[in-house]
Amino acid sequence: MTEAHEHQRHIVSPKVYLAVFLSLLCLTALTTAASFVELYVFNVVVALAIAVIKAALVVLFFMHVRYSNRLTKLTVASGIFMFCVLVGMTLTDYFTRAWGQW
């Protein structure tokens, strides 16, 4: 293989994996603790925010997207964008269903 086509492997330190693992454990404990606090409407918001942070850690470090090339990052970003579009379209349909009953 030529140098242009050769993949550079990034060796991740076990300390990084341990730090991410401990962060995930702390965030899981935070999710559990937040479920016992009455935040009314914001219970779901807090739980989803913590879940998004945990998902980002898993994607970035355990799936090695942080150390990948631009094409892989673009693929992940386009998948997230498409997911947001589909959720937005679903919520638009859900919120406008009552309009037809007037």
C-alpha atoms as a PDB file:
ATOM      1  CA  MET A   1       0.000   0.000   0.000  1.00  0.00           C
ATOM      2  CA  THR A   2       1.103   3.526  -0.618  1.00  0.00           C
ATOM      3  CA  GLU A   3       1.375   6.038   2.158  1.00  0.00           C
ATOM      4  CA  ALA A   4      -1.648   7.985   0.896  1.00  0.00           C
ATOM      5  CA  HIS A   5      -3.959   4.975   1.254  1.00  0.00           C
ATOM      6  CA  GLU A   6      -2.534   3.660   4.467  1.00  0.00           C
ATOM      7  CA  HIS A   7      -4.670   4.036   7.585  1.00  0.00           C
ATOM      8  CA  GLN A   8      -3.087   5.580  10.604  1.00  0.00           C
ATOM      9  CA  ARG A   9      -4.182   3.610  13.637  1.00  0.00           C
ATOM     10  CA  HIS A  10      -4.692   5.622  16.760  1.00  0.00           C
ATOM     11  CA  ILE A  11      -3.855   3.757  19.938  1.00  0.00           C
ATOM     12  CA  VAL A  12      -6.136   4.847  22.753  1.00  0.00           C
ATOM     13  CA  SER A  13      -4.729   4.688  26.235  1.00  0.00           C
ATOM     14  CA  PRO A  14      -6.487   2.463  28.773  1.00  0.00           C
ATOM     15  CA  LYS A  15      -6.665   5.549  31.000  1.00  0.00           C
ATOM     16  CA  VAL A  16      -8.959   7.199  28.459  1.00  0.00           C
ATOM     17  CA  TYR A  17     -11.235   4.164  28.411  1.00  0.00           C
ATOM     18  CA  LEU A  18     -11.264   4.075  32.193  1.00  0.00           C
ATOM     19  CA  ALA A  19     -12.102   7.789  32.392  1.00  0.00           C
ATOM     20  CA  VAL A  20     -14.943   7.396  29.900  1.00  0.00           C
ATOM     21  CA  PHE A  21     -16.226   4.315  31.735  1.00  0.00           C
ATOM     22  CA  LEU A  22     -16.188   6.153  35.068  1.00  0.00           C
ATOM     23  CA  SER A  23     -17.918   9.121  33.450  1.00  0.00           C
ATOM     24  CA  LEU A  24     -20.630   6.821  32.127  1.00  0.00           C
ATOM     25  CA  LEU A  25     -21.075   5.304  35.587  1.00  0.00           C
ATOM     26  CA  CYS A  26     -21.336   8.763  37.160  1.00  0.00           C
ATOM     27  CA  LEU A  27     -23.855   9.869  34.557  1.00  0.00           C
ATOM     28  CA  THR A  28     -25.899   6.726  35.179  1.00  0.00           C
ATOM     29  CA  ALA A  29     -25.891   7.487  38.902  1.00  0.00           C
ATOM     30  CA  LEU A  30     -26.901  11.068  38.101  1.00  0.00           C
ATOM     31  CA  THR A  31     -29.795   9.807  35.979  1.00  0.00           C
ATOM     32  CA  THR A  32     -30.948   7.594  38.830  1.00  0.00           C
ATOM     33  CA  ALA A  33     -30.623  10.422  41.352  1.00  0.00           C
ATOM     34  CA  ALA A  34     -32.498  12.821  39.067  1.00  0.00           C
ATOM     35  CA  SER A  35     -35.383  10.379  38.801  1.00  0.00           C
ATOM     36  CA  PHE A  36     -36.022  10.756  42.535  1.00  0.00           C
ATOM     37  CA  VAL A  37     -36.148  14.570  42.352  1.00  0.00           C
ATOM     38  CA  GLU A  38     -39.504  16.058  41.367  1.00  0.00           C
ATOM     39  CA  LEU A  39     -38.762  18.393  38.464  1.00  0.00           C
ATOM     40  CA  TYR A  40     -42.235  18.095  36.943  1.00  0.00           C
ATOM     41  CA  VAL A  41     -41.976  18.701  33.189  1.00  0.00           C
ATOM     42  CA  PHE A  42     -38.182  18.860  33.283  1.00  0.00           C
ATOM     43  CA  ASN A  43     -37.682  15.261  34.481  1.00  0.00           C
ATOM     44  CA  VAL A  44     -37.759  14.080  30.880  1.00  0.00           C
ATOM     45  CA  VAL A  45     -35.563  16.953  29.710  1.00  0.00           C
ATOM     46  CA  VAL A  46     -32.878  16.197  32.310  1.00  0.00           C
ATOM     47  CA  ALA A  47     -32.986  12.454  31.609  1.00  0.00           C
ATOM     48  CA  LEU A  48     -32.699  12.994  27.846  1.00  0.00           C
ATOM     49  CA  ALA A  49     -29.866  15.493  28.246  1.00  0.00           C
ATOM     50  CA  ILE A  50     -27.889  12.999  30.318  1.00  0.00           C
ATOM     51  CA  ALA A  51     -28.681  10.242  27.811  1.00  0.00           C
ATOM     52  CA  VAL A  52     -27.418  12.387  24.923  1.00  0.00           C
ATOM     53  CA  ILE A  53     -24.158  13.048  26.769  1.00  0.00           C
ATOM     54  CA  LYS A  54     -23.712   9.331  27.456  1.00  0.00           C
ATOM     55  CA  ALA A  55     -24.463   8.442  23.825  1.00  0.00           C
ATOM     56  CA  ALA A  56     -21.951  11.038  22.634  1.00  0.00           C
ATOM     57  CA  LEU A  57     -19.255   9.557  24.884  1.00  0.00           C
ATOM     58  CA  VAL A  58     -19.935   6.065  23.557  1.00  0.00           C
ATOM     59  CA  VAL A  59     -19.910   7.183  19.925  1.00  0.00           C
ATOM     60  CA  LEU A  60     -16.811   9.346  20.264  1.00  0.00           C
ATOM     61  CA  PHE A  61     -14.590   7.030  22.276  1.00  0.00           C
ATOM     62  CA  PHE A  62     -15.823   3.430  22.113  1.00  0.00           C
ATOM     63  CA  MET A  63     -16.757   3.662  18.437  1.00  0.00           C
ATOM     64  CA  HIS A  64     -13.529   5.629  17.711  1.00  0.00           C
ATOM     65  CA  VAL A  65     -15.306   8.418  15.842  1.00  0.00           C
ATOM     66  CA  ARG A  66     -13.182  11.015  17.628  1.00  0.00           C
ATOM     67  CA  TYR A  67     -10.066   9.618  15.976  1.00  0.00           C
ATOM     68  CA  SER A  68     -11.642   8.863  12.590  1.00  0.00           C
ATOM     69  CA  ASN A  69     -11.361  10.710   9.313  1.00  0.00           C
ATOM     70  CA  ARG A  70     -13.716  13.422   8.100  1.00  0.00           C
ATOM     71  CA  LEU A  71     -15.842  11.056   6.039  1.00  0.00           C
ATOM     72  CA  THR A  72     -16.723   8.952   9.082  1.00  0.00           C
ATOM     73  CA  LYS A  73     -17.555  12.074  11.097  1.00  0.00           C
ATOM     74  CA  LEU A  74     -19.710  13.345   8.220  1.00  0.00           C
ATOM     75  CA  THR A  75     -21.538  10.003   8.073  1.00  0.00           C
ATOM     76  CA  VAL A  76     -22.276  10.115  11.798  1.00  0.00           C
ATOM     77  CA  ALA A  77     -23.389  13.744  11.581  1.00  0.00           C
ATOM     78  CA  SER A  78     -25.680  13.014   8.636  1.00  0.00           C
ATOM     79  CA  GLY A  79     -27.240  10.122  10.529  1.00  0.00           C
ATOM     80  CA  ILE A  80     -27.904  12.372  13.525  1.00  0.00           C
ATOM     81  CA  PHE A  81     -29.314  15.071  11.240  1.00  0.00           C
ATOM     82  CA  MET A  82     -31.627  12.574   9.525  1.00  0.00           C
ATOM     83  CA  PHE A  83     -32.800  11.292  12.902  1.00  0.00           C
ATOM     84  CA  CYS A  84     -33.612  14.870  13.976  1.00  0.00           C
ATOM     85  CA  VAL A  85     -35.525  15.482  10.742  1.00  0.00           C
ATOM     86  CA  LEU A  86     -37.610  12.337  11.218  1.00  0.00           C
ATOM     87  CA  VAL A  87     -38.343  13.133  14.867  1.00  0.00           C
ATOM     88  CA  GLY A  88     -39.252  16.698  13.882  1.00  0.00           C
ATOM     89  CA  MET A  89     -41.645  15.477  11.196  1.00  0.00           C
ATOM     90  CA  THR A  90     -43.231  13.032  13.628  1.00  0.00           C
ATOM     91  CA  LEU A  91     -43.678  15.724  16.271  1.00  0.00           C
ATOM     92  CA  THR A  92     -45.146  18.104  13.681  1.00  0.00           C
ATOM     93  CA  ASP A  93     -47.758  15.487  12.807  1.00  0.00           C
ATOM     94  CA  TYR A  94     -48.452  14.758  16.478  1.00  0.00           C
ATOM     95  CA  PHE A  95     -48.857  18.406  17.496  1.00  0.00           C
ATOM     96  CA  THR A  96     -51.121  19.312  14.557  1.00  0.00           C
ATOM     97  CA  ARG A  97     -53.582  16.409  14.835  1.00  0.00           C
ATOM     98  CA  ALA A  98     -55.942  18.361  17.092  1.00  0.00           C
ATOM     99  CA  TRP A  99     -56.270  21.129  14.493  1.00  0.00           C
ATOM    100  CA  GLY A 100     -58.543  18.999  12.317  1.00  0.00           C
ATOM    101  CA  GLN A 101     -61.055  18.488  15.139  1.00  0.00           C
ATOM    102  CA  TRP A 102     -62.061  22.161  15.365  1.00  0.00           C
END
